[in-house]
Amino acid sequence: MKLFDAAAKMNGGEVQLEQLAAATGADPLLIIRIVQIYAGMGVFKEVRKHTFISTLLATTFVVGSPLTDAVTHIFVDLVVGFCNKLMNVSVNRTFHIGILSRLPEY
């Protein structure tokens, strides 16, 4: 969907729901639900109804950002560690490739 990329192209300014829906090609109802969840996490800030500003945290999810690669790397290490230690399942670092390759593009 590249929601964060679309928001980043607004140069940190206010972005309306309709703009994000048009930029991503996604249904506005889906966009508002996702953005409101992220607003609760501090990734976006709702300044008016259906109008948002992306925070600095949103830049960590932009495709090609070094921060995105770092977050992905840390997340994979956490999941592998969880599986290996807490679930007594032996998992290597490349197990996520099969899972991520099957995720649909929204």
PDB file of N, CA and C in Angstrom:
ATOM      1  N   MET A   1       0.837  -1.191   0.000  1.00  0.00           N
ATOM      2  CA  MET A   1       0.000   0.000   0.000  1.00  0.00           C
ATOM      3  C   MET A   1       0.881   1.254   0.000  1.00  0.00           C
ATOM      4  N   LYS A   2       2.028   1.188   0.654  1.00  0.00           N
ATOM      5  CA  LYS A   2       2.967   2.312   0.722  1.00  0.00           C
ATOM      6  C   LYS A   2       2.318   3.574   1.293  1.00  0.00           C
ATOM      7  N   LEU A   3       1.590   3.385   2.357  1.00  0.00           N
ATOM      8  CA  LEU A   3       0.909   4.474   3.050  1.00  0.00           C
ATOM      9  C   LEU A   3       1.897   5.504   3.581  1.00  0.00           C
ATOM     10  N   PHE A   4       2.979   5.027   4.165  1.00  0.00           N
ATOM     11  CA  PHE A   4       3.959   5.939   4.743  1.00  0.00           C
ATOM     12  C   PHE A   4       4.700   6.717   3.667  1.00  0.00           C
ATOM     13  N   ASP A   5       4.930   6.093   2.529  1.00  0.00           N
ATOM     14  CA  ASP A   5       5.563   6.786   1.412  1.00  0.00           C
ATOM     15  C   ASP A   5       4.665   7.922   0.916  1.00  0.00           C
ATOM     16  N   ALA A   6       3.375   7.636   0.822  1.00  0.00           N
ATOM     17  CA  ALA A   6       2.420   8.659   0.371  1.00  0.00           C
ATOM     18  C   ALA A   6       2.374   9.821   1.354  1.00  0.00           C
ATOM     19  N   ALA A   7       2.380   9.515   2.646  1.00  0.00           N
ATOM     20  CA  ALA A   7       2.355  10.577   3.656  1.00  0.00           C
ATOM     21  C   ALA A   7       3.658  11.377   3.637  1.00  0.00           C
ATOM     22  N   ALA A   8       4.782  10.689   3.398  1.00  0.00           N
ATOM     23  CA  ALA A   8       6.078  11.377   3.378  1.00  0.00           C
ATOM     24  C   ALA A   8       6.171  12.354   2.215  1.00  0.00           C
ATOM     25  N   LYS A   9       5.508  12.041   1.108  1.00  0.00           N
ATOM     26  CA  LYS A   9       5.540  12.938  -0.055  1.00  0.00           C
ATOM     27  C   LYS A   9       4.815  14.250   0.220  1.00  0.00           C
ATOM     28  N   MET A  10       4.051  14.308   1.285  1.00  0.00           N
ATOM     29  CA  MET A  10       3.360  15.539   1.658  1.00  0.00           C
ATOM     30  C   MET A  10       4.291  16.460   2.447  1.00  0.00           C
ATOM     31  N   ASN A  11       5.564  16.065   2.566  1.00  0.00           N
ATOM     32  CA  ASN A  11       6.609  16.879   3.219  1.00  0.00           C
ATOM     33  C   ASN A  11       6.277  17.267   4.642  1.00  0.00           C
ATOM     34  N   GLY A  12       5.691  16.344   5.394  1.00  0.00           N
ATOM     35  CA  GLY A  12       5.413  16.600   6.795  1.00  0.00           C
ATOM     36  C   GLY A  12       4.231  17.514   7.036  1.00  0.00           C
ATOM     37  N   GLY A  13       3.575  17.927   5.975  1.00  0.00           N
ATOM     38  CA  GLY A  13       2.408  18.786   6.120  1.00  0.00           C
ATOM     39  C   GLY A  13       1.152  17.983   6.383  1.00  0.00           C
ATOM     40  N   GLU A  14       0.067  18.699   6.492  1.00  0.00           N
ATOM     41  CA  GLU A  14      -1.210  18.041   6.727  1.00  0.00           C
ATOM     42  C   GLU A  14      -1.620  17.255   5.488  1.00  0.00           C
ATOM     43  N   VAL A  15      -2.180  16.093   5.715  1.00  0.00           N
ATOM     44  CA  VAL A  15      -2.654  15.255   4.632  1.00  0.00           C
ATOM     45  C   VAL A  15      -4.063  14.780   4.992  1.00  0.00           C
ATOM     46  N   GLN A  16      -4.935  14.861   4.030  1.00  0.00           N
ATOM     47  CA  GLN A  16      -6.312  14.463   4.273  1.00  0.00           C
ATOM     48  C   GLN A  16      -6.521  13.019   3.842  1.00  0.00           C
ATOM     49  N   LEU A  17      -7.516  12.412   4.419  1.00  0.00           N
ATOM     50  CA  LEU A  17      -7.852  11.026   4.131  1.00  0.00           C
ATOM     51  C   LEU A  17      -7.988  10.776   2.634  1.00  0.00           C
ATOM     52  N   GLU A  18      -8.670  11.659   1.949  1.00  0.00           N
ATOM     53  CA  GLU A  18      -8.890  11.482   0.517  1.00  0.00           C
ATOM     54  C   GLU A  18      -7.578  11.501  -0.264  1.00  0.00           C
ATOM     55  N   GLN A  19      -6.624  12.337   0.177  1.00  0.00           N
ATOM     56  CA  GLN A  19      -5.320  12.399  -0.484  1.00  0.00           C
ATOM     57  C   GLN A  19      -4.568  11.078  -0.317  1.00  0.00           C
ATOM     58  N   LEU A  20      -4.593  10.526   0.888  1.00  0.00           N
ATOM     59  CA  LEU A  20      -3.918   9.255   1.130  1.00  0.00           C
ATOM     60  C   LEU A  20      -4.573   8.127   0.342  1.00  0.00           C
ATOM     61  N   ALA A  21      -5.892   8.133   0.292  1.00  0.00           N
ATOM     62  CA  ALA A  21      -6.605   7.102  -0.462  1.00  0.00           C
ATOM     63  C   ALA A  21      -6.264   7.192  -1.945  1.00  0.00           C
ATOM     64  N   ALA A  22      -6.224   8.391  -2.471  1.00  0.00           N
ATOM     65  CA  ALA A  22      -5.897   8.569  -3.894  1.00  0.00           C
ATOM     66  C   ALA A  22      -4.447   8.176  -4.181  1.00  0.00           C
ATOM     67  N   ALA A  23      -3.538   8.542  -3.290  1.00  0.00           N
ATOM     68  CA  ALA A  23      -2.117   8.256  -3.497  1.00  0.00           C
ATOM     69  C   ALA A  23      -1.798   6.771  -3.392  1.00  0.00           C
ATOM     70  N   THR A  24      -2.557   6.049  -2.567  1.00  0.00           N
ATOM     71  CA  THR A  24      -2.279   4.626  -2.368  1.00  0.00           C
ATOM     72  C   THR A  24      -3.167   3.726  -3.209  1.00  0.00           C
ATOM     73  N   GLY A  25      -4.281   4.273  -3.691  1.00  0.00           N
ATOM     74  CA  GLY A  25      -5.225   3.460  -4.449  1.00  0.00           C
ATOM     75  C   GLY A  25      -6.070   2.558  -3.564  1.00  0.00           C
ATOM     76  N   ALA A  26      -6.062   2.829  -2.271  1.00  0.00           N
ATOM     77  CA  ALA A  26      -6.814   2.010  -1.319  1.00  0.00           C
ATOM     78  C   ALA A  26      -8.150   2.660  -0.994  1.00  0.00           C
ATOM     79  N   ASP A  27      -9.040   1.862  -0.462  1.00  0.00           N
ATOM     80  CA  ASP A  27     -10.354   2.349  -0.056  1.00  0.00           C
ATOM     81  C   ASP A  27     -10.207   3.333   1.106  1.00  0.00           C
ATOM     82  N   PRO A  28     -10.892   4.463   1.073  1.00  0.00           N
ATOM     83  CA  PRO A  28     -10.786   5.445   2.159  1.00  0.00           C
ATOM     84  C   PRO A  28     -11.136   4.879   3.535  1.00  0.00           C
ATOM     85  N   LEU A  29     -12.077   3.948   3.595  1.00  0.00           N
ATOM     86  CA  LEU A  29     -12.445   3.349   4.884  1.00  0.00           C
ATOM     87  C   LEU A  29     -11.285   2.554   5.464  1.00  0.00           C
ATOM     88  N   LEU A  30     -10.571   1.826   4.615  1.00  0.00           N
ATOM     89  CA  LEU A  30      -9.403   1.088   5.067  1.00  0.00           C
ATOM     90  C   LEU A  30      -8.317   2.049   5.542  1.00  0.00           C
ATOM     91  N   ILE A  31      -8.094   3.094   4.771  1.00  0.00           N
ATOM     92  CA  ILE A  31      -7.062   4.081   5.128  1.00  0.00           C
ATOM     93  C   ILE A  31      -7.361   4.715   6.481  1.00  0.00           C
ATOM     94  N   ILE A  32      -8.591   5.145   6.706  1.00  0.00           N
ATOM     95  CA  ILE A  32      -8.908   5.828   7.969  1.00  0.00           C
ATOM     96  C   ILE A  32      -8.738   4.881   9.147  1.00  0.00           C
ATOM     97  N   ARG A  33      -9.097   3.638   8.968  1.00  0.00           N
ATOM     98  CA  ARG A  33      -8.931   2.675  10.066  1.00  0.00           C
ATOM     99  C   ARG A  33      -7.458   2.456  10.392  1.00  0.00           C
ATOM    100  N   ILE A  34      -6.660   2.300   9.364  1.00  0.00           N
ATOM    101  CA  ILE A  34      -5.229   2.083   9.581  1.00  0.00           C
ATOM    102  C   ILE A  34      -4.577   3.316  10.198  1.00  0.00           C
ATOM    103  N   VAL A  35      -4.869   4.482   9.643  1.00  0.00           N
ATOM    104  CA  VAL A  35      -4.235   5.714  10.123  1.00  0.00           C
ATOM    105  C   VAL A  35      -4.668   6.016  11.555  1.00  0.00           C
ATOM    106  N   GLN A  36      -5.898   5.748  11.915  1.00  0.00           N
ATOM    107  CA  GLN A  36      -6.335   5.995  13.285  1.00  0.00           C
ATOM    108  C   GLN A  36      -5.629   5.075  14.275  1.00  0.00           C
ATOM    109  N   ILE A  37      -5.371   3.848  13.859  1.00  0.00           N
ATOM    110  CA  ILE A  37      -4.601   2.946  14.728  1.00  0.00           C
ATOM    111  C   ILE A  37      -3.185   3.496  14.915  1.00  0.00           C
ATOM    112  N   TYR A  38      -2.570   3.905  13.805  1.00  0.00           N
ATOM    113  CA  TYR A  38      -1.223   4.466  13.899  1.00  0.00           C
ATOM    114  C   TYR A  38      -1.210   5.791  14.659  1.00  0.00           C
ATOM    115  N   ALA A  39      -2.282   6.548  14.589  1.00  0.00           N
ATOM    116  CA  ALA A  39      -2.352   7.798  15.364  1.00  0.00           C
ATOM    117  C   ALA A  39      -2.331   7.484  16.858  1.00  0.00           C
ATOM    118  N   GLY A  40      -3.003   6.428  17.234  1.00  0.00           N
ATOM    119  CA  GLY A  40      -2.977   6.008  18.637  1.00  0.00           C
ATOM    120  C   GLY A  40      -1.612   5.565  19.099  1.00  0.00           C
ATOM    121  N   MET A  41      -0.766   5.156  18.150  1.00  0.00           N
ATOM    122  CA  MET A  41       0.594   4.724  18.466  1.00  0.00           C
ATOM    123  C   MET A  41       1.609   5.853  18.315  1.00  0.00           C
ATOM    124  N   GLY A  42       1.152   7.032  17.891  1.00  0.00           N
ATOM    125  CA  GLY A  42       2.049   8.171  17.758  1.00  0.00           C
ATOM    126  C   GLY A  42       2.743   8.275  16.412  1.00  0.00           C
ATOM    127  N   VAL A  43       2.349   7.450  15.447  1.00  0.00           N
ATOM    128  CA  VAL A  43       2.974   7.499  14.121  1.00  0.00           C
ATOM    129  C   VAL A  43       2.388   8.643  13.305  1.00  0.00           C
ATOM    130  N   PHE A  44       1.093   8.851  13.435  1.00  0.00           N
ATOM    131  CA  PHE A  44       0.410   9.993  12.832  1.00  0.00           C
ATOM    132  C   PHE A  44      -0.244  10.794  13.942  1.00  0.00           C
ATOM    133  N   LYS A  45      -0.527  12.050  13.660  1.00  0.00           N
ATOM    134  CA  LYS A  45      -1.246  12.897  14.609  1.00  0.00           C
ATOM    135  C   LYS A  45      -2.460  13.465  13.884  1.00  0.00           C
ATOM    136  N   GLU A  46      -3.636  13.248  14.472  1.00  0.00           N
ATOM    137  CA  GLU A  46      -4.855  13.754  13.855  1.00  0.00           C
ATOM    138  C   GLU A  46      -5.053  15.208  14.299  1.00  0.00           C
ATOM    139  N   VAL A  47      -5.042  16.124  13.341  1.00  0.00           N
ATOM    140  CA  VAL A  47      -5.179  17.545  13.664  1.00  0.00           C
ATOM    141  C   VAL A  47      -6.615  18.022  13.508  1.00  0.00           C
ATOM    142  N   ARG A  48      -7.344  17.383  12.635  1.00  0.00           N
ATOM    143  CA  ARG A  48      -8.776  17.604  12.445  1.00  0.00           C
ATOM    144  C   ARG A  48      -9.374  16.287  11.991  1.00  0.00           C
ATOM    145  N   LYS A  49     -10.670  16.214  11.938  1.00  0.00           N
ATOM    146  CA  LYS A  49     -11.307  14.984  11.487  1.00  0.00           C
ATOM    147  C   LYS A  49     -10.835  14.652  10.070  1.00  0.00           C
ATOM    148  N   HIS A  50     -10.249  13.457   9.948  1.00  0.00           N
ATOM    149  CA  HIS A  50      -9.754  12.926   8.684  1.00  0.00           C
ATOM    150  C   HIS A  50      -8.597  13.737   8.097  1.00  0.00           C
ATOM    151  N   THR A  51      -7.900  14.493   8.935  1.00  0.00           N
ATOM    152  CA  THR A  51      -6.717  15.247   8.520  1.00  0.00           C
ATOM    153  C   THR A  51      -5.586  14.908   9.482  1.00  0.00           C
ATOM    154  N   PHE A  52      -4.454  14.493   8.932  1.00  0.00           N
ATOM    155  CA  PHE A  52      -3.356  13.978   9.745  1.00  0.00           C
ATOM    156  C   PHE A  52      -2.031  14.628   9.375  1.00  0.00           C
ATOM    157  N   ILE A  53      -1.108  14.552  10.310  1.00  0.00           N
ATOM    158  CA  ILE A  53       0.289  14.920  10.094  1.00  0.00           C
ATOM    159  C   ILE A  53       1.110  13.687  10.443  1.00  0.00           C
ATOM    160  N   SER A  54       2.053  13.332   9.587  1.00  0.00           N
ATOM    161  CA  SER A  54       2.927  12.211   9.933  1.00  0.00           C
ATOM    162  C   SER A  54       4.008  12.709  10.880  1.00  0.00           C
ATOM    163  N   THR A  55       4.324  11.900  11.865  1.00  0.00           N
ATOM    164  CA  THR A  55       5.352  12.256  12.840  1.00  0.00           C
ATOM    165  C   THR A  55       6.706  11.715  12.368  1.00  0.00           C
ATOM    166  N   LEU A  56       7.724  12.034  13.105  1.00  0.00           N
ATOM    167  CA  LEU A  56       9.068  11.548  12.782  1.00  0.00           C
ATOM    168  C   LEU A  56       9.100  10.021  12.779  1.00  0.00           C
ATOM    169  N   LEU A  57       8.302   9.412  13.640  1.00  0.00           N
ATOM    170  CA  LEU A  57       8.246   7.955  13.702  1.00  0.00           C
ATOM    171  C   LEU A  57       7.765   7.346  12.388  1.00  0.00           C
ATOM    172  N   ALA A  58       6.912   8.048  11.655  1.00  0.00           N
ATOM    173  CA  ALA A  58       6.392   7.541  10.377  1.00  0.00           C
ATOM    174  C   ALA A  58       7.509   7.365   9.348  1.00  0.00           C
ATOM    175  N   THR A  59       8.559   8.161   9.448  1.00  0.00           N
ATOM    176  CA  THR A  59       9.655   8.046   8.484  1.00  0.00           C
ATOM    177  C   THR A  59      10.398   6.720   8.605  1.00  0.00           C
ATOM    178  N   THR A  60      10.264   6.055   9.746  1.00  0.00           N
ATOM    179  CA  THR A  60      10.934   4.764   9.906  1.00  0.00           C
ATOM    180  C   THR A  60      10.275   3.673   9.075  1.00  0.00           C
ATOM    181  N   PHE A  61       9.086   3.942   8.549  1.00  0.00           N
ATOM    182  CA  PHE A  61       8.368   2.950   7.761  1.00  0.00           C
ATOM    183  C   PHE A  61       8.387   3.238   6.254  1.00  0.00           C
ATOM    184  N   VAL A  62       9.068   4.285   5.840  1.00  0.00           N
ATOM    185  CA  VAL A  62       9.153   4.624   4.419  1.00  0.00           C
ATOM    186  C   VAL A  62      10.064   3.618   3.724  1.00  0.00           C
ATOM    187  N   VAL A  63       9.628   3.118   2.578  1.00  0.00           N
ATOM    188  CA  VAL A  63      10.410   2.135   1.831  1.00  0.00           C
ATOM    189  C   VAL A  63      11.760   2.725   1.447  1.00  0.00           C
ATOM    190  N   GLY A  64      12.819   1.980   1.706  1.00  0.00           N
ATOM    191  CA  GLY A  64      14.164   2.417   1.358  1.00  0.00           C
ATOM    192  C   GLY A  64      14.852   3.230   2.437  1.00  0.00           C
ATOM    193  N   SER A  65      14.147   3.527   3.509  1.00  0.00           N
ATOM    194  CA  SER A  65      14.752   4.272   4.607  1.00  0.00           C
ATOM    195  C   SER A  65      15.701   3.359   5.379  1.00  0.00           C
ATOM    196  N   PRO A  66      16.881   3.851   5.746  1.00  0.00           N
ATOM    197  CA  PRO A  66      17.782   3.029   6.561  1.00  0.00           C
ATOM    198  C   PRO A  66      17.132   2.642   7.890  1.00  0.00           C
ATOM    199  N   LEU A  67      16.267   3.504   8.390  1.00  0.00           N
ATOM    200  CA  LEU A  67      15.574   3.175   9.634  1.00  0.00           C
ATOM    201  C   LEU A  67      14.632   1.997   9.440  1.00  0.00           C
ATOM    202  N   THR A  68      13.999   1.909   8.279  1.00  0.00           N
ATOM    203  CA  THR A  68      13.117   0.777   7.985  1.00  0.00           C
ATOM    204  C   THR A  68      13.902  -0.523   8.024  1.00  0.00           C
ATOM    205  N   ASP A  69      15.070  -0.513   7.398  1.00  0.00           N
ATOM    206  CA  ASP A  69      15.897  -1.719   7.384  1.00  0.00           C
ATOM    207  C   ASP A  69      16.325  -2.111   8.800  1.00  0.00           C
ATOM    208  N   ALA A  70      16.645  -1.125   9.615  1.00  0.00           N
ATOM    209  CA  ALA A  70      17.041  -1.408  11.001  1.00  0.00           C
ATOM    210  C   ALA A  70      15.881  -1.982  11.803  1.00  0.00           C
ATOM    211  N   VAL A  71      14.702  -1.385  11.652  1.00  0.00           N
ATOM    212  CA  VAL A  71      13.521  -1.868  12.373  1.00  0.00           C
ATOM    213  C   VAL A  71      13.202  -3.293  11.942  1.00  0.00           C
ATOM    214  N   THR A  72      13.256  -3.569  10.633  1.00  0.00           N
ATOM    215  CA  THR A  72      12.989  -4.913  10.128  1.00  0.00           C
ATOM    216  C   THR A  72      13.995  -5.904  10.685  1.00  0.00           C
ATOM    217  N   HIS A  73      15.254  -5.519  10.697  1.00  0.00           N
ATOM    218  CA  HIS A  73      16.309  -6.392  11.208  1.00  0.00           C
ATOM    219  C   HIS A  73      16.067  -6.713  12.682  1.00  0.00           C
ATOM    220  N   ILE A  74      15.762  -5.698  13.464  1.00  0.00           N
ATOM    221  CA  ILE A  74      15.516  -5.904  14.898  1.00  0.00           C
ATOM    222  C   ILE A  74      14.279  -6.763  15.113  1.00  0.00           C
ATOM    223  N   PHE A  75      13.219  -6.500  14.347  1.00  0.00           N
ATOM    224  CA  PHE A  75      11.992  -7.274  14.475  1.00  0.00           C
ATOM    225  C   PHE A  75      12.246  -8.746  14.174  1.00  0.00           C
ATOM    226  N   VAL A  76      12.960  -9.020  13.106  1.00  0.00           N
ATOM    227  CA  VAL A  76      13.251 -10.410  12.741  1.00  0.00           C
ATOM    228  C   VAL A  76      14.043 -11.080  13.844  1.00  0.00           C
ATOM    229  N   ASP A  77      15.038 -10.386  14.394  1.00  0.00           N
ATOM    230  CA  ASP A  77      15.820 -10.953  15.478  1.00  0.00           C
ATOM    231  C   ASP A  77      14.950 -11.252  16.698  1.00  0.00           C
ATOM    232  N   LEU A  78      14.000 -10.371  16.996  1.00  0.00           N
ATOM    233  CA  LEU A  78      13.104 -10.606  18.129  1.00  0.00           C
ATOM    234  C   LEU A  78      12.219 -11.823  17.899  1.00  0.00           C
ATOM    235  N   VAL A  79      11.669 -11.953  16.709  1.00  0.00           N
ATOM    236  CA  VAL A  79      10.797 -13.095  16.399  1.00  0.00           C
ATOM    237  C   VAL A  79      11.581 -14.392  16.435  1.00  0.00           C
ATOM    238  N   VAL A  80      12.768 -14.391  15.841  1.00  0.00           N
ATOM    239  CA  VAL A  80      13.598 -15.597  15.846  1.00  0.00           C
ATOM    240  C   VAL A  80      13.967 -15.961  17.276  1.00  0.00           C
ATOM    241  N   GLY A  81      14.355 -14.973  18.054  1.00  0.00           N
ATOM    242  CA  GLY A  81      14.698 -15.229  19.450  1.00  0.00           C
ATOM    243  C   GLY A  81      13.518 -15.775  20.237  1.00  0.00           C
ATOM    244  N   PHE A  82      12.341 -15.218  19.993  1.00  0.00           N
ATOM    245  CA  PHE A  82      11.133 -15.689  20.663  1.00  0.00           C
ATOM    246  C   PHE A  82      10.855 -17.147  20.311  1.00  0.00           C
ATOM    247  N   CYS A  83      10.923 -17.463  19.035  1.00  0.00           N
ATOM    248  CA  CYS A  83      10.652 -18.837  18.603  1.00  0.00           C
ATOM    249  C   CYS A  83      11.682 -19.808  19.157  1.00  0.00           C
ATOM    250  N   ASN A  84      12.932 -19.421  19.114  1.00  0.00           N
ATOM    251  CA  ASN A  84      14.001 -20.310  19.553  1.00  0.00           C
ATOM    252  C   ASN A  84      13.994 -20.543  21.054  1.00  0.00           C
ATOM    253  N   LYS A  85      13.761 -19.503  21.841  1.00  0.00           N
ATOM    254  CA  LYS A  85      13.912 -19.616  23.286  1.00  0.00           C
ATOM    255  C   LYS A  85      12.608 -19.943  24.006  1.00  0.00           C
ATOM    256  N   LEU A  86      11.553 -19.240  23.673  1.00  0.00           N
ATOM    257  CA  LEU A  86      10.323 -19.412  24.440  1.00  0.00           C
ATOM    258  C   LEU A  86       9.440 -20.539  23.931  1.00  0.00           C
ATOM    259  N   MET A  87       9.485 -20.776  22.633  1.00  0.00           N
ATOM    260  CA  MET A  87       8.605 -21.795  22.070  1.00  0.00           C
ATOM    261  C   MET A  87       9.341 -23.109  21.801  1.00  0.00           C
ATOM    262  N   ASN A  88      10.637 -23.147  22.113  1.00  0.00           N
ATOM    263  CA  ASN A  88      11.462 -24.324  21.855  1.00  0.00           C
ATOM    264  C   ASN A  88      11.346 -24.800  20.404  1.00  0.00           C
ATOM    265  N   VAL A  89      11.309 -23.839  19.502  1.00  0.00           N
ATOM    266  CA  VAL A  89      11.260 -24.133  18.073  1.00  0.00           C
ATOM    267  C   VAL A  89      12.552 -23.614  17.466  1.00  0.00           C
ATOM    268  N   SER A  90      13.211 -24.438  16.714  1.00  0.00           N
ATOM    269  CA  SER A  90      14.454 -24.015  16.083  1.00  0.00           C
ATOM    270  C   SER A  90      14.133 -23.296  14.773  1.00  0.00           C
ATOM    271  N   VAL A  91      14.451 -22.023  14.716  1.00  0.00           N
ATOM    272  CA  VAL A  91      14.148 -21.199  13.552  1.00  0.00           C
ATOM    273  C   VAL A  91      15.423 -20.460  13.160  1.00  0.00           C
ATOM    274  N   ASN A  92      15.722 -20.417  11.866  1.00  0.00           N
ATOM    275  CA  ASN A  92      16.876 -19.643  11.428  1.00  0.00           C
ATOM    276  C   ASN A  92      16.430 -18.244  11.001  1.00  0.00           C
ATOM    277  N   ARG A  93      17.375 -17.381  10.738  1.00  0.00           N
ATOM    278  CA  ARG A  93      17.056 -15.982  10.429  1.00  0.00           C
ATOM    279  C   ARG A  93      16.326 -15.811   9.104  1.00  0.00           C
ATOM    280  N   THR A  94      16.328 -16.788   8.235  1.00  0.00           N
ATOM    281  CA  THR A  94      15.699 -16.617   6.925  1.00  0.00           C
ATOM    282  C   THR A  94      14.273 -17.162   6.875  1.00  0.00           C
ATOM    283  N   PHE A  95      13.750 -17.631   7.995  1.00  0.00           N
ATOM    284  CA  PHE A  95      12.405 -18.211   7.973  1.00  0.00           C
ATOM    285  C   PHE A  95      11.347 -17.196   7.574  1.00  0.00           C
ATOM    286  N   HIS A  96      11.574 -15.926   7.890  1.00  0.00           N
ATOM    287  CA  HIS A  96      10.565 -14.887   7.631  1.00  0.00           C
ATOM    288  C   HIS A  96      10.388 -14.612   6.138  1.00  0.00           C
ATOM    289  N   ILE A  97      11.349 -14.977   5.323  1.00  0.00           N
ATOM    290  CA  ILE A  97      11.240 -14.690   3.896  1.00  0.00           C
ATOM    291  C   ILE A  97      10.026 -15.385   3.292  1.00  0.00           C
ATOM    292  N   GLY A  98       9.793 -16.635   3.660  1.00  0.00           N
ATOM    293  CA  GLY A  98       8.634 -17.348   3.154  1.00  0.00           C
ATOM    294  C   GLY A  98       7.327 -16.723   3.629  1.00  0.00           C
ATOM    295  N   ILE A  99       7.305 -16.261   4.849  1.00  0.00           N
ATOM    296  CA  ILE A  99       6.096 -15.646   5.397  1.00  0.00           C
ATOM    297  C   ILE A  99       5.848 -14.304   4.724  1.00  0.00           C
ATOM    298  N   LEU A 100       6.861 -13.463   4.662  1.00  0.00           N
ATOM    299  CA  LEU A 100       6.688 -12.131   4.081  1.00  0.00           C
ATOM    300  C   LEU A 100       6.404 -12.185   2.589  1.00  0.00           C
ATOM    301  N   SER A 101       6.933 -13.187   1.912  1.00  0.00           N
ATOM    302  CA  SER A 101       6.694 -13.269   0.470  1.00  0.00           C
ATOM    303  C   SER A 101       5.256 -13.646   0.143  1.00  0.00           C
ATOM    304  N   ARG A 102       4.532 -14.171   1.117  1.00  0.00           N
ATOM    305  CA  ARG A 102       3.130 -14.531   0.890  1.00  0.00           C
ATOM    306  C   ARG A 102       2.166 -13.473   1.359  1.00  0.00           C
ATOM    307  N   LEU A 103       2.655 -12.400   1.955  1.00  0.00           N
ATOM    308  CA  LEU A 103       1.760 -11.349   2.411  1.00  0.00           C
ATOM    309  C   LEU A 103       1.190 -10.596   1.207  1.00  0.00           C
ATOM    310  N   PRO A 104      -0.102 -10.340   1.212  1.00  0.00           N
ATOM    311  CA  PRO A 104      -0.701  -9.609   0.073  1.00  0.00           C
ATOM    312  C   PRO A 104      -0.326  -8.132   0.110  1.00  0.00           C
ATOM    313  N   GLU A 105      -0.299  -7.516  -1.037  1.00  0.00           N
ATOM    314  CA  GLU A 105      -0.064  -6.077  -1.145  1.00  0.00           C
ATOM    315  C   GLU A 105      -1.410  -5.378  -1.041  1.00  0.00           C
ATOM    316  N   TYR A 106      -1.596  -4.621  -0.003  1.00  0.00           N
ATOM    317  CA  TYR A 106      -2.870  -3.915   0.203  1.00  0.00           C
ATOM    318  C   TYR A 106      -2.816  -2.524  -0.349  1.00  0.00           C
TER     319      TYR A 106
END
